[in-house]
Amino acid sequence: MEHLLNNPIWFALQSGNKNIASGNAQVKFMQRDIGPFAAMEEYSESNFVYLLEQSKPGDYFILFTHEKIKVPASWTTLVEKTITQMVYLHPSPPSIVADTNLVVLEEKDVPAMLDLTQRTKPGPFLSGTIELGNYIGIFEGSKLIAMAGQRLKPGVYTEISAVCTDPAYTGRGLAQKIVTALVNKILAESRIPMLHLNTDNNSAYNLYTKIGFQTRREIMVYVIQNK
């Protein structure tokens, strides 16, 4: 049987994120205002045709695959790259970095979250992404300066995502505090934390390794757009 994390979007949209999934038995895609993610059981020509029919010109989707795939000419491939997938497999949780400034982010915080993610580019974050839940952040006064949350939930795994810090506040250990808090929360729910990062992001890799994450494998990312 294929490992859940070899096709994480596919299995997430059939399990932990199925409440925001649309599609058929072979193709799934996330609610558009929450995230541009899609997946297929098999990346076949017919499944790409179905996804095309469910979208309109200009719409784009993000695919995670465990190997290179052939994208039909009816789509424009905007991005094709490799990212690193990491999993927290330690038998005990990481030590919590105490910080009374950690706050649960709510609907009223979405404008600040959109502003921070647009400036730091941690990955897609839309007006409805907060519905994926469990976003926490740190404020300096009224300004959101760091945040992260949860995204894909394939099977027993929960992905930590949107990890970002305002460039003016880096080097203070804010990301470590937030990610550590999220890891502990996920473990308390008897689930396994995992995440993805760009393969050339050495600072993030070193941070996640320090917290206790281990590299599982490389994953292909495709961003495709309906012509």
N, C-alpha and C. Protein backbone atom coordinates (compact mmCIF):
# COMPACT_ATOMS: atom_id res chain seq x y z
N MET A 1 0.84 -1.20 0.00
CA MET A 1 0.00 0.00 0.00
C MET A 1 0.87 1.25 0.00
N GLU A 2 0.49 2.25 -0.79
CA GLU A 2 1.26 3.48 -0.87
C GLU A 2 1.26 4.21 0.47
N HIS A 3 2.43 4.73 0.86
CA HIS A 3 2.52 5.48 2.10
C HIS A 3 1.72 6.77 1.97
N LEU A 4 0.99 7.12 3.03
CA LEU A 4 0.15 8.32 3.01
C LEU A 4 0.92 9.57 2.59
N LEU A 5 2.16 9.68 3.04
CA LEU A 5 2.92 10.90 2.79
C LEU A 5 3.55 10.95 1.41
N ASN A 6 3.43 9.88 0.63
CA ASN A 6 3.88 9.93 -0.76
C ASN A 6 2.91 10.72 -1.63
N ASN A 7 1.67 10.80 -1.19
CA ASN A 7 0.63 11.56 -1.90
C ASN A 7 -0.21 12.26 -0.83
N PRO A 8 0.41 13.19 -0.08
CA PRO A 8 -0.23 13.72 1.13
C PRO A 8 -1.52 14.50 0.89
N ILE A 9 -1.59 15.24 -0.20
CA ILE A 9 -2.82 16.00 -0.46
C ILE A 9 -3.97 15.04 -0.74
N TRP A 10 -3.72 14.01 -1.53
CA TRP A 10 -4.75 13.03 -1.87
C TRP A 10 -5.33 12.39 -0.62
N PHE A 11 -4.46 11.91 0.26
CA PHE A 11 -4.95 11.23 1.45
C PHE A 11 -5.55 12.22 2.46
N ALA A 12 -5.05 13.45 2.50
CA ALA A 12 -5.64 14.46 3.40
C ALA A 12 -7.07 14.78 3.00
N LEU A 13 -7.31 14.91 1.69
CA LEU A 13 -8.64 15.28 1.21
C LEU A 13 -9.63 14.12 1.28
N GLN A 14 -9.14 12.96 1.70
CA GLN A 14 -10.03 11.82 1.94
C GLN A 14 -10.17 11.50 3.42
N SER A 15 -9.40 12.20 4.25
CA SER A 15 -9.45 11.91 5.69
C SER A 15 -9.59 13.20 6.48
N GLY A 16 -8.49 13.73 7.01
CA GLY A 16 -8.58 14.87 7.91
C GLY A 16 -9.10 16.15 7.31
N ASN A 17 -9.00 16.31 6.00
CA ASN A 17 -9.49 17.53 5.34
C ASN A 17 -10.66 17.25 4.39
N LYS A 18 -11.33 16.12 4.56
CA LYS A 18 -12.39 15.76 3.61
C LYS A 18 -13.58 16.70 3.68
N ASN A 19 -13.73 17.43 4.79
CA ASN A 19 -14.86 18.36 4.92
C ASN A 19 -14.73 19.57 4.00
N ILE A 20 -13.53 19.81 3.46
CA ILE A 20 -13.34 20.95 2.55
C ILE A 20 -12.91 20.47 1.17
N ALA A 21 -13.20 19.20 0.86
CA ALA A 21 -12.79 18.60 -0.41
C ALA A 21 -13.96 18.45 -1.37
N SER A 22 -13.66 18.63 -2.65
CA SER A 22 -14.61 18.35 -3.73
C SER A 22 -13.92 17.44 -4.72
N GLY A 23 -14.70 16.93 -5.69
CA GLY A 23 -14.11 16.08 -6.71
C GLY A 23 -14.87 14.79 -6.89
N ASN A 24 -14.17 13.77 -7.41
CA ASN A 24 -14.78 12.46 -7.61
C ASN A 24 -13.91 11.39 -6.97
N ALA A 25 -14.09 10.15 -7.36
CA ALA A 25 -13.37 9.05 -6.72
C ALA A 25 -11.89 9.03 -7.08
N GLN A 26 -11.50 9.73 -8.15
CA GLN A 26 -10.10 9.71 -8.59
C GLN A 26 -9.38 11.05 -8.44
N VAL A 27 -10.14 12.14 -8.29
CA VAL A 27 -9.56 13.49 -8.23
C VAL A 27 -10.19 14.26 -7.08
N LYS A 28 -9.37 14.91 -6.27
CA LYS A 28 -9.86 15.74 -5.17
C LYS A 28 -9.20 17.11 -5.25
N PHE A 29 -9.96 18.14 -4.85
CA PHE A 29 -9.38 19.47 -4.75
C PHE A 29 -10.01 20.21 -3.58
N MET A 30 -9.23 21.11 -3.00
CA MET A 30 -9.64 21.82 -1.80
C MET A 30 -10.55 22.99 -2.17
N GLN A 31 -11.40 23.36 -1.23
CA GLN A 31 -12.25 24.54 -1.40
C GLN A 31 -11.38 25.73 -1.77
N ARG A 32 -11.74 26.45 -2.83
CA ARG A 32 -10.84 27.42 -3.45
C ARG A 32 -10.42 28.55 -2.51
N ASP A 33 -11.30 29.03 -1.64
CA ASP A 33 -10.93 30.15 -0.78
C ASP A 33 -10.09 29.72 0.41
N ILE A 34 -9.92 28.40 0.59
CA ILE A 34 -9.11 27.88 1.69
C ILE A 34 -7.70 27.54 1.21
N GLY A 35 -7.61 26.92 0.04
CA GLY A 35 -6.29 26.57 -0.49
C GLY A 35 -6.39 26.05 -1.91
N PRO A 36 -5.34 26.26 -2.72
CA PRO A 36 -5.36 25.84 -4.13
C PRO A 36 -4.82 24.44 -4.35
N PHE A 37 -5.08 23.52 -3.42
CA PHE A 37 -4.47 22.20 -3.48
C PHE A 37 -5.38 21.19 -4.18
N ALA A 38 -4.75 20.32 -4.95
CA ALA A 38 -5.48 19.25 -5.65
C ALA A 38 -4.60 18.01 -5.68
N ALA A 39 -5.24 16.86 -5.90
CA ALA A 39 -4.49 15.60 -5.96
C ALA A 39 -5.29 14.57 -6.72
N MET A 40 -4.58 13.55 -7.18
CA MET A 40 -5.21 12.47 -7.93
C MET A 40 -4.70 11.13 -7.42
N GLU A 41 -5.56 10.13 -7.50
CA GLU A 41 -5.12 8.79 -7.15
C GLU A 41 -4.05 8.33 -8.13
N GLU A 42 -4.28 8.62 -9.41
CA GLU A 42 -3.30 8.39 -10.47
C GLU A 42 -3.25 9.65 -11.33
N TYR A 43 -2.05 10.10 -11.67
CA TYR A 43 -1.91 11.34 -12.44
C TYR A 43 -2.00 11.02 -13.93
N SER A 44 -3.23 10.65 -14.32
CA SER A 44 -3.50 10.21 -15.69
C SER A 44 -4.09 11.35 -16.52
N GLU A 45 -4.07 11.17 -17.83
CA GLU A 45 -4.62 12.17 -18.75
C GLU A 45 -6.09 12.43 -18.43
N SER A 46 -6.85 11.37 -18.19
CA SER A 46 -8.29 11.54 -17.94
C SER A 46 -8.55 12.30 -16.65
N ASN A 47 -7.72 12.08 -15.64
CA ASN A 47 -7.91 12.80 -14.38
C ASN A 47 -7.56 14.28 -14.52
N PHE A 48 -6.55 14.59 -15.33
CA PHE A 48 -6.24 15.99 -15.59
C PHE A 48 -7.37 16.66 -16.36
N VAL A 49 -8.02 15.92 -17.26
CA VAL A 49 -9.16 16.46 -18.00
C VAL A 49 -10.29 16.79 -17.04
N TYR A 50 -10.56 15.89 -16.10
CA TYR A 50 -11.62 16.14 -15.12
C TYR A 50 -11.32 17.39 -14.30
N LEU A 51 -10.08 17.54 -13.83
CA LEU A 51 -9.72 18.71 -13.03
C LEU A 51 -9.87 19.98 -13.86
N LEU A 52 -9.51 19.91 -15.13
CA LEU A 52 -9.65 21.06 -16.01
C LEU A 52 -11.12 21.46 -16.12
N GLU A 53 -11.99 20.48 -16.23
CA GLU A 53 -13.43 20.74 -16.35
C GLU A 53 -14.02 21.36 -15.09
N GLN A 54 -13.37 21.12 -13.95
CA GLN A 54 -13.87 21.65 -12.68
C GLN A 54 -13.32 23.04 -12.36
N SER A 55 -12.53 23.59 -13.27
CA SER A 55 -11.92 24.90 -13.05
C SER A 55 -12.19 25.82 -14.22
N LYS A 56 -11.76 27.05 -14.08
CA LYS A 56 -11.94 28.01 -15.17
C LYS A 56 -10.58 28.58 -15.56
N PRO A 57 -10.47 29.19 -16.74
CA PRO A 57 -9.18 29.74 -17.17
C PRO A 57 -8.59 30.68 -16.11
N GLY A 58 -7.32 30.48 -15.82
CA GLY A 58 -6.65 31.30 -14.82
C GLY A 58 -6.54 30.63 -13.47
N ASP A 59 -7.43 29.66 -13.19
CA ASP A 59 -7.34 28.94 -11.92
C ASP A 59 -6.05 28.13 -11.87
N TYR A 60 -5.45 28.05 -10.69
CA TYR A 60 -4.25 27.24 -10.56
C TYR A 60 -4.39 26.27 -9.39
N PHE A 61 -3.62 25.19 -9.45
CA PHE A 61 -3.64 24.17 -8.42
C PHE A 61 -2.20 23.79 -8.05
N ILE A 62 -2.02 23.38 -6.81
CA ILE A 62 -0.74 22.88 -6.34
C ILE A 62 -0.86 21.38 -6.11
N LEU A 63 0.06 20.62 -6.69
CA LEU A 63 0.09 19.17 -6.56
C LEU A 63 1.37 18.75 -5.84
N PHE A 64 1.29 17.77 -4.95
CA PHE A 64 2.46 17.15 -4.33
C PHE A 64 2.51 15.70 -4.82
N THR A 65 3.63 15.29 -5.41
CA THR A 65 3.77 13.92 -5.88
C THR A 65 5.11 13.35 -5.43
N HIS A 66 5.22 12.03 -5.38
CA HIS A 66 6.47 11.41 -4.94
C HIS A 66 7.43 11.16 -6.09
N GLU A 67 6.98 11.46 -7.31
CA GLU A 67 7.84 11.29 -8.48
C GLU A 67 7.42 12.29 -9.55
N LYS A 68 8.25 12.43 -10.57
CA LYS A 68 7.91 13.34 -11.65
C LYS A 68 6.69 12.82 -12.41
N ILE A 69 5.85 13.75 -12.83
CA ILE A 69 4.66 13.39 -13.59
C ILE A 69 4.64 14.17 -14.90
N LYS A 70 3.84 13.71 -15.84
CA LYS A 70 3.67 14.41 -17.11
C LYS A 70 2.40 15.24 -17.04
N VAL A 71 2.56 16.55 -17.13
CA VAL A 71 1.41 17.46 -17.10
C VAL A 71 0.96 17.70 -18.54
N PRO A 72 -0.31 17.44 -18.86
CA PRO A 72 -0.80 17.61 -20.23
C PRO A 72 -0.64 19.04 -20.74
N ALA A 73 -0.58 19.19 -22.04
CA ALA A 73 -0.37 20.49 -22.67
C ALA A 73 -1.54 21.44 -22.46
N SER A 74 -2.68 20.92 -22.03
CA SER A 74 -3.84 21.78 -21.76
C SER A 74 -3.64 22.63 -20.51
N TRP A 75 -2.59 22.34 -19.75
CA TRP A 75 -2.24 23.10 -18.55
C TRP A 75 -0.92 23.85 -18.77
N THR A 76 -0.78 24.98 -18.09
CA THR A 76 0.51 25.67 -18.03
C THR A 76 1.19 25.29 -16.72
N THR A 77 2.40 24.78 -16.80
CA THR A 77 3.14 24.44 -15.58
C THR A 77 3.91 25.67 -15.13
N LEU A 78 3.47 26.27 -14.03
CA LEU A 78 4.10 27.47 -13.50
C LEU A 78 5.32 27.15 -12.65
N VAL A 79 5.25 26.04 -11.93
CA VAL A 79 6.34 25.62 -11.04
C VAL A 79 6.49 24.11 -11.11
N GLU A 80 7.71 23.65 -11.18
CA GLU A 80 8.04 22.23 -11.02
C GLU A 80 9.34 22.18 -10.23
N LYS A 81 9.27 21.74 -8.99
CA LYS A 81 10.46 21.75 -8.15
C LYS A 81 10.38 20.66 -7.08
N THR A 82 11.49 20.46 -6.41
CA THR A 82 11.58 19.48 -5.33
C THR A 82 11.58 20.19 -3.99
N ILE A 83 10.82 19.65 -3.03
CA ILE A 83 10.85 20.16 -1.66
C ILE A 83 11.18 19.00 -0.72
N THR A 84 11.51 19.34 0.51
CA THR A 84 11.86 18.32 1.51
C THR A 84 10.70 18.08 2.45
N GLN A 85 10.41 16.82 2.69
CA GLN A 85 9.35 16.43 3.62
C GLN A 85 10.01 15.92 4.91
N MET A 86 9.60 16.48 6.05
CA MET A 86 10.16 16.09 7.34
C MET A 86 9.05 15.63 8.28
N VAL A 87 9.39 14.69 9.16
CA VAL A 87 8.43 14.12 10.10
C VAL A 87 9.04 14.12 11.50
N TYR A 88 8.20 14.37 12.50
CA TYR A 88 8.65 14.31 13.89
C TYR A 88 8.39 12.91 14.41
N LEU A 89 9.46 12.14 14.65
CA LEU A 89 9.32 10.74 15.05
C LEU A 89 9.90 10.45 16.43
N HIS A 90 10.27 11.49 17.17
CA HIS A 90 10.83 11.27 18.50
C HIS A 90 9.78 10.67 19.43
N PRO A 91 10.21 9.82 20.36
CA PRO A 91 9.25 9.21 21.29
C PRO A 91 8.71 10.19 22.33
N SER A 92 9.39 11.32 22.51
CA SER A 92 8.93 12.31 23.49
C SER A 92 8.81 13.67 22.82
N PRO A 93 7.94 14.54 23.35
CA PRO A 93 7.76 15.86 22.75
C PRO A 93 8.95 16.77 23.02
N PRO A 94 9.15 17.78 22.19
CA PRO A 94 10.24 18.73 22.44
C PRO A 94 9.92 19.60 23.64
N SER A 95 10.95 20.12 24.26
CA SER A 95 10.74 21.01 25.41
C SER A 95 10.06 22.28 24.93
N ILE A 96 9.02 22.67 25.64
CA ILE A 96 8.29 23.88 25.27
C ILE A 96 9.13 25.11 25.60
N VAL A 97 9.24 26.00 24.62
CA VAL A 97 9.92 27.27 24.84
C VAL A 97 8.86 28.23 25.36
N ALA A 98 8.86 28.47 26.65
CA ALA A 98 7.80 29.26 27.27
C ALA A 98 7.71 30.66 26.67
N ASP A 99 6.51 31.07 26.33
CA ASP A 99 6.29 32.41 25.81
C ASP A 99 4.82 32.77 26.02
N THR A 100 4.59 33.67 26.94
CA THR A 100 3.21 34.06 27.25
C THR A 100 2.60 34.91 26.14
N ASN A 101 3.43 35.28 25.14
CA ASN A 101 2.92 36.11 24.05
C ASN A 101 2.29 35.30 22.92
N LEU A 102 2.35 33.96 23.00
CA LEU A 102 1.72 33.13 21.98
C LEU A 102 0.20 33.27 22.09
N VAL A 103 -0.44 33.60 20.98
CA VAL A 103 -1.89 33.76 21.00
C VAL A 103 -2.52 32.94 19.88
N VAL A 104 -3.73 32.48 20.12
CA VAL A 104 -4.49 31.78 19.09
C VAL A 104 -5.05 32.82 18.13
N LEU A 105 -4.79 32.64 16.84
CA LEU A 105 -5.25 33.60 15.84
C LEU A 105 -6.69 33.29 15.44
N GLU A 106 -7.46 34.35 15.26
CA GLU A 106 -8.89 34.23 14.97
C GLU A 106 -9.24 34.95 13.67
N GLU A 107 -10.51 34.89 13.32
CA GLU A 107 -10.99 35.51 12.08
C GLU A 107 -10.62 36.99 12.01
N LYS A 108 -10.68 37.67 13.13
CA LYS A 108 -10.36 39.10 13.14
C LYS A 108 -8.89 39.38 12.81
N ASP A 109 -8.05 38.34 12.92
CA ASP A 109 -6.62 38.50 12.65
C ASP A 109 -6.25 38.23 11.19
N VAL A 110 -7.22 37.80 10.38
CA VAL A 110 -6.92 37.42 8.99
C VAL A 110 -6.23 38.53 8.20
N PRO A 111 -6.66 39.80 8.28
CA PRO A 111 -5.93 40.84 7.53
C PRO A 111 -4.45 40.90 7.90
N ALA A 112 -4.14 40.78 9.19
CA ALA A 112 -2.74 40.80 9.62
C ALA A 112 -2.00 39.56 9.14
N MET A 113 -2.69 38.41 9.13
CA MET A 113 -2.08 37.17 8.66
C MET A 113 -1.79 37.24 7.16
N LEU A 114 -2.73 37.79 6.40
CA LEU A 114 -2.52 37.95 4.97
C LEU A 114 -1.37 38.91 4.69
N ASP A 115 -1.28 39.97 5.45
CA ASP A 115 -0.20 40.94 5.28
C ASP A 115 1.16 40.28 5.54
N LEU A 116 1.26 39.52 6.64
CA LEU A 116 2.53 38.89 6.99
C LEU A 116 2.93 37.83 5.96
N THR A 117 1.98 37.01 5.54
CA THR A 117 2.31 35.95 4.58
C THR A 117 2.63 36.52 3.19
N GLN A 118 1.99 37.61 2.82
CA GLN A 118 2.30 38.23 1.53
C GLN A 118 3.70 38.81 1.52
N ARG A 119 4.17 39.24 2.67
CA ARG A 119 5.51 39.83 2.75
C ARG A 119 6.61 38.78 2.93
N THR A 120 6.27 37.63 3.51
CA THR A 120 7.30 36.63 3.82
C THR A 120 7.25 35.40 2.91
N LYS A 121 6.15 35.19 2.20
CA LYS A 121 6.00 34.13 1.21
C LYS A 121 6.28 32.72 1.76
N PRO A 122 5.59 32.28 2.82
CA PRO A 122 5.81 30.92 3.33
C PRO A 122 5.09 29.85 2.52
N GLY A 123 4.26 30.29 1.57
CA GLY A 123 3.41 29.36 0.81
C GLY A 123 2.03 29.97 0.68
N PRO A 124 1.13 29.32 -0.04
CA PRO A 124 -0.19 29.91 -0.26
C PRO A 124 -0.97 30.11 1.04
N PHE A 125 -1.47 31.31 1.23
CA PHE A 125 -2.33 31.62 2.37
C PHE A 125 -3.42 32.55 1.87
N LEU A 126 -4.67 32.07 1.93
CA LEU A 126 -5.80 32.80 1.38
C LEU A 126 -6.72 33.28 2.49
N SER A 127 -7.76 33.99 2.11
CA SER A 127 -8.66 34.57 3.11
C SER A 127 -9.35 33.51 3.97
N GLY A 128 -9.54 32.31 3.40
CA GLY A 128 -10.21 31.25 4.15
C GLY A 128 -9.29 30.21 4.74
N THR A 129 -7.97 30.37 4.57
CA THR A 129 -7.03 29.36 5.04
C THR A 129 -7.10 29.15 6.54
N ILE A 130 -7.49 30.19 7.27
CA ILE A 130 -7.57 30.07 8.73
C ILE A 130 -8.55 28.98 9.15
N GLU A 131 -9.47 28.61 8.27
CA GLU A 131 -10.44 27.55 8.60
C GLU A 131 -9.77 26.19 8.78
N LEU A 132 -8.53 26.05 8.31
CA LEU A 132 -7.81 24.81 8.54
C LEU A 132 -7.48 24.64 10.02
N GLY A 133 -7.46 25.74 10.75
CA GLY A 133 -7.41 25.69 12.21
C GLY A 133 -6.05 25.73 12.85
N ASN A 134 -6.07 26.06 14.14
CA ASN A 134 -4.89 25.98 15.00
C ASN A 134 -3.74 26.87 14.55
N TYR A 135 -4.05 28.09 14.14
CA TYR A 135 -3.00 29.06 13.84
C TYR A 135 -2.68 29.85 15.11
N ILE A 136 -1.40 29.98 15.39
CA ILE A 136 -0.98 30.76 16.54
C ILE A 136 0.07 31.77 16.10
N GLY A 137 0.19 32.85 16.85
CA GLY A 137 1.12 33.89 16.45
C GLY A 137 1.66 34.67 17.63
N ILE A 138 2.54 35.59 17.31
CA ILE A 138 3.13 36.49 18.30
C ILE A 138 2.97 37.91 17.79
N PHE A 139 2.48 38.78 18.65
CA PHE A 139 2.30 40.19 18.31
C PHE A 139 3.34 41.05 19.03
N GLU A 140 3.72 42.12 18.37
CA GLU A 140 4.49 43.19 18.99
C GLU A 140 3.57 44.40 18.99
N GLY A 141 2.96 44.66 20.13
CA GLY A 141 1.91 45.65 20.15
C GLY A 141 0.72 45.13 19.37
N SER A 142 0.30 45.87 18.35
CA SER A 142 -0.82 45.43 17.52
C SER A 142 -0.35 44.77 16.22
N LYS A 143 0.96 44.62 16.06
CA LYS A 143 1.52 44.08 14.83
C LYS A 143 1.83 42.60 14.95
N LEU A 144 1.30 41.79 14.02
CA LEU A 144 1.62 40.36 13.99
C LEU A 144 3.01 40.20 13.40
N ILE A 145 3.93 39.59 14.18
CA ILE A 145 5.32 39.50 13.72
C ILE A 145 5.77 38.06 13.43
N ALA A 146 4.99 37.07 13.84
CA ALA A 146 5.33 35.67 13.55
C ALA A 146 4.09 34.81 13.69
N MET A 147 4.02 33.73 12.91
CA MET A 147 2.86 32.85 12.98
C MET A 147 3.17 31.51 12.33
N ALA A 148 2.29 30.56 12.58
CA ALA A 148 2.30 29.25 11.91
C ALA A 148 0.99 28.57 12.26
N GLY A 149 0.68 27.50 11.53
CA GLY A 149 -0.56 26.79 11.81
C GLY A 149 -0.52 25.39 11.22
N GLN A 150 -1.69 24.82 11.03
CA GLN A 150 -1.82 23.47 10.50
C GLN A 150 -2.52 23.51 9.15
N ARG A 151 -2.20 22.51 8.31
CA ARG A 151 -2.80 22.49 6.97
C ARG A 151 -3.28 21.08 6.62
N LEU A 152 -2.47 20.29 5.96
CA LEU A 152 -2.89 18.95 5.53
C LEU A 152 -2.94 17.99 6.71
N LYS A 153 -3.95 17.09 6.68
CA LYS A 153 -4.10 16.10 7.73
C LYS A 153 -4.37 14.72 7.12
N PRO A 154 -3.35 14.14 6.49
CA PRO A 154 -3.52 12.80 5.92
C PRO A 154 -3.40 11.72 6.99
N GLY A 155 -4.45 10.96 7.20
CA GLY A 155 -4.39 9.88 8.18
C GLY A 155 -4.03 10.38 9.57
N VAL A 156 -2.96 9.83 10.15
CA VAL A 156 -2.55 10.19 11.52
C VAL A 156 -1.59 11.37 11.54
N TYR A 157 -1.29 11.95 10.38
CA TYR A 157 -0.32 13.04 10.30
C TYR A 157 -1.01 14.41 10.27
N THR A 158 -0.34 15.40 10.84
CA THR A 158 -0.79 16.78 10.75
C THR A 158 0.38 17.64 10.29
N GLU A 159 0.16 18.38 9.21
CA GLU A 159 1.21 19.22 8.65
C GLU A 159 1.24 20.59 9.33
N ILE A 160 2.43 21.02 9.71
CA ILE A 160 2.64 22.38 10.19
C ILE A 160 3.00 23.24 8.98
N SER A 161 2.35 24.39 8.86
CA SER A 161 2.51 25.19 7.65
C SER A 161 2.46 26.68 7.97
N ALA A 162 2.75 27.49 6.94
CA ALA A 162 2.71 28.95 7.04
C ALA A 162 3.60 29.47 8.17
N VAL A 163 4.76 28.84 8.34
CA VAL A 163 5.72 29.28 9.35
C VAL A 163 6.43 30.53 8.80
N CYS A 164 6.23 31.66 9.45
CA CYS A 164 6.85 32.88 8.94
C CYS A 164 7.08 33.89 10.05
N THR A 165 8.11 34.71 9.85
CA THR A 165 8.48 35.76 10.80
C THR A 165 8.76 37.03 10.03
N ASP A 166 8.26 38.14 10.52
CA ASP A 166 8.56 39.44 9.94
C ASP A 166 10.08 39.60 9.87
N PRO A 167 10.63 39.97 8.70
CA PRO A 167 12.09 40.08 8.56
C PRO A 167 12.76 40.97 9.61
N ALA A 168 12.03 41.94 10.13
CA ALA A 168 12.60 42.84 11.14
C ALA A 168 12.74 42.17 12.51
N TYR A 169 12.16 40.96 12.65
CA TYR A 169 12.16 40.30 13.96
C TYR A 169 12.80 38.91 13.92
N THR A 170 13.53 38.60 12.87
CA THR A 170 14.20 37.30 12.80
C THR A 170 15.37 37.26 13.78
N GLY A 171 15.79 36.03 14.10
CA GLY A 171 16.91 35.87 15.02
C GLY A 171 16.53 35.90 16.48
N ARG A 172 15.24 35.94 16.77
CA ARG A 172 14.78 35.99 18.16
C ARG A 172 14.18 34.66 18.64
N GLY A 173 14.22 33.65 17.78
CA GLY A 173 13.69 32.35 18.16
C GLY A 173 12.18 32.26 18.14
N LEU A 174 11.52 33.18 17.43
CA LEU A 174 10.06 33.19 17.42
C LEU A 174 9.49 31.97 16.72
N ALA A 175 10.08 31.60 15.57
CA ALA A 175 9.59 30.43 14.84
C ALA A 175 9.74 29.16 15.68
N GLN A 176 10.85 29.05 16.40
CA GLN A 176 11.06 27.87 17.24
C GLN A 176 9.98 27.77 18.31
N LYS A 177 9.63 28.89 18.92
CA LYS A 177 8.59 28.89 19.95
C LYS A 177 7.25 28.43 19.38
N ILE A 178 6.91 28.96 18.22
CA ILE A 178 5.61 28.65 17.62
C ILE A 178 5.56 27.20 17.15
N VAL A 179 6.59 26.76 16.42
CA VAL A 179 6.59 25.39 15.90
C VAL A 179 6.61 24.38 17.04
N THR A 180 7.39 24.65 18.08
CA THR A 180 7.44 23.75 19.22
C THR A 180 6.07 23.63 19.89
N ALA A 181 5.38 24.75 20.02
CA ALA A 181 4.04 24.73 20.60
C ALA A 181 3.09 23.90 19.75
N LEU A 182 3.19 24.04 18.42
CA LEU A 182 2.32 23.27 17.53
C LEU A 182 2.64 21.78 17.58
N VAL A 183 3.93 21.44 17.64
CA VAL A 183 4.33 20.03 17.74
C VAL A 183 3.72 19.41 19.00
N ASN A 184 3.83 20.10 20.11
CA ASN A 184 3.27 19.58 21.36
C ASN A 184 1.76 19.42 21.29
N LYS A 185 1.09 20.35 20.64
CA LYS A 185 -0.37 20.26 20.50
C LYS A 185 -0.75 19.05 19.65
N ILE A 186 -0.03 18.86 18.55
CA ILE A 186 -0.33 17.73 17.66
C ILE A 186 -0.08 16.40 18.37
N LEU A 187 1.03 16.31 19.08
CA LEU A 187 1.35 15.08 19.81
C LEU A 187 0.30 14.80 20.89
N ALA A 188 -0.20 15.85 21.52
CA ALA A 188 -1.22 15.69 22.56
C ALA A 188 -2.51 15.12 21.99
N GLU A 189 -2.70 15.28 20.68
CA GLU A 189 -3.88 14.73 20.00
C GLU A 189 -3.60 13.34 19.44
N SER A 190 -2.44 12.76 19.83
CA SER A 190 -2.02 11.42 19.37
C SER A 190 -1.85 11.37 17.86
N ARG A 191 -1.35 12.47 17.29
CA ARG A 191 -1.07 12.54 15.88
C ARG A 191 0.43 12.79 15.67
N ILE A 192 0.88 12.71 14.43
CA ILE A 192 2.30 12.83 14.12
C ILE A 192 2.54 14.12 13.33
N PRO A 193 3.38 15.01 13.85
CA PRO A 193 3.68 16.26 13.12
C PRO A 193 4.55 16.00 11.89
N MET A 194 4.28 16.73 10.84
CA MET A 194 5.13 16.69 9.65
C MET A 194 5.07 18.06 9.00
N LEU A 195 5.99 18.31 8.07
CA LEU A 195 6.01 19.59 7.37
C LEU A 195 6.80 19.47 6.08
N HIS A 196 6.72 20.53 5.28
CA HIS A 196 7.46 20.61 4.02
C HIS A 196 8.22 21.93 3.98
N LEU A 197 9.38 21.93 3.33
CA LEU A 197 10.16 23.15 3.18
C LEU A 197 10.96 23.09 1.89
N ASN A 198 11.33 24.26 1.40
CA ASN A 198 12.17 24.31 0.21
C ASN A 198 13.52 23.67 0.51
N THR A 199 14.03 22.91 -0.43
CA THR A 199 15.27 22.16 -0.20
C THR A 199 16.47 23.07 0.05
N ASP A 200 16.40 24.32 -0.40
CA ASP A 200 17.53 25.23 -0.21
C ASP A 200 17.37 26.13 1.02
N ASN A 201 16.33 25.89 1.82
CA ASN A 201 16.09 26.72 3.00
C ASN A 201 16.85 26.11 4.19
N ASN A 202 18.14 26.38 4.23
CA ASN A 202 19.00 25.75 5.24
C ASN A 202 18.67 26.20 6.66
N SER A 203 18.29 27.46 6.83
CA SER A 203 17.98 27.94 8.18
C SER A 203 16.75 27.24 8.73
N ALA A 204 15.73 27.05 7.89
CA ALA A 204 14.53 26.34 8.34
C ALA A 204 14.85 24.87 8.61
N TYR A 205 15.65 24.27 7.74
CA TYR A 205 16.03 22.87 7.94
C TYR A 205 16.76 22.69 9.27
N ASN A 206 17.69 23.58 9.56
CA ASN A 206 18.43 23.49 10.82
C ASN A 206 17.51 23.67 12.02
N LEU A 207 16.56 24.58 11.91
CA LEU A 207 15.61 24.80 13.00
C LEU A 207 14.76 23.56 13.24
N TYR A 208 14.20 23.00 12.18
CA TYR A 208 13.33 21.84 12.34
C TYR A 208 14.10 20.62 12.85
N THR A 209 15.34 20.48 12.40
CA THR A 209 16.18 19.39 12.90
C THR A 209 16.45 19.57 14.40
N LYS A 210 16.70 20.80 14.80
CA LYS A 210 16.94 21.10 16.21
C LYS A 210 15.72 20.75 17.06
N ILE A 211 14.53 21.01 16.54
CA ILE A 211 13.30 20.71 17.27
C ILE A 211 13.09 19.20 17.37
N GLY A 212 13.55 18.46 16.35
CA GLY A 212 13.41 17.01 16.38
C GLY A 212 12.85 16.37 15.13
N PHE A 213 12.64 17.16 14.08
CA PHE A 213 12.14 16.60 12.82
C PHE A 213 13.26 15.87 12.09
N GLN A 214 12.86 14.85 11.32
CA GLN A 214 13.79 14.10 10.50
C GLN A 214 13.31 14.11 9.05
N THR A 215 14.27 14.16 8.13
CA THR A 215 13.91 14.12 6.71
C THR A 215 13.34 12.75 6.36
N ARG A 216 12.19 12.75 5.72
CA ARG A 216 11.61 11.48 5.26
C ARG A 216 11.95 11.22 3.80
N ARG A 217 11.72 12.23 2.93
CA ARG A 217 12.01 12.07 1.52
C ARG A 217 11.86 13.42 0.81
N GLU A 218 12.21 13.43 -0.45
CA GLU A 218 11.96 14.59 -1.30
C GLU A 218 10.60 14.40 -1.98
N ILE A 219 9.89 15.50 -2.16
CA ILE A 219 8.56 15.50 -2.78
C ILE A 219 8.58 16.48 -3.96
N MET A 220 7.93 16.10 -5.05
CA MET A 220 7.80 17.01 -6.19
C MET A 220 6.59 17.93 -5.98
N VAL A 221 6.77 19.19 -6.31
CA VAL A 221 5.68 20.16 -6.27
C VAL A 221 5.44 20.70 -7.67
N TYR A 222 4.18 20.68 -8.08
CA TYR A 222 3.79 21.27 -9.35
C TYR A 222 2.73 22.33 -9.08
N VAL A 223 2.89 23.47 -9.71
CA VAL A 223 1.84 24.48 -9.73
C VAL A 223 1.38 24.57 -11.18
N ILE A 224 0.13 24.18 -11.41
CA ILE A 224 -0.39 24.14 -12.77
C ILE A 224 -1.57 25.09 -12.91
N GLN A 225 -1.70 25.68 -14.08
CA GLN A 225 -2.75 26.67 -14.30
C GLN A 225 -3.59 26.32 -15.52
N ASN A 226 -4.89 26.46 -15.36
CA ASN A 226 -5.82 26.27 -16.47
C ASN A 226 -5.59 27.39 -17.48
N LYS A 227 -5.28 27.01 -18.73
CA LYS A 227 -5.02 28.01 -19.76
C LYS A 227 -6.28 28.76 -20.15
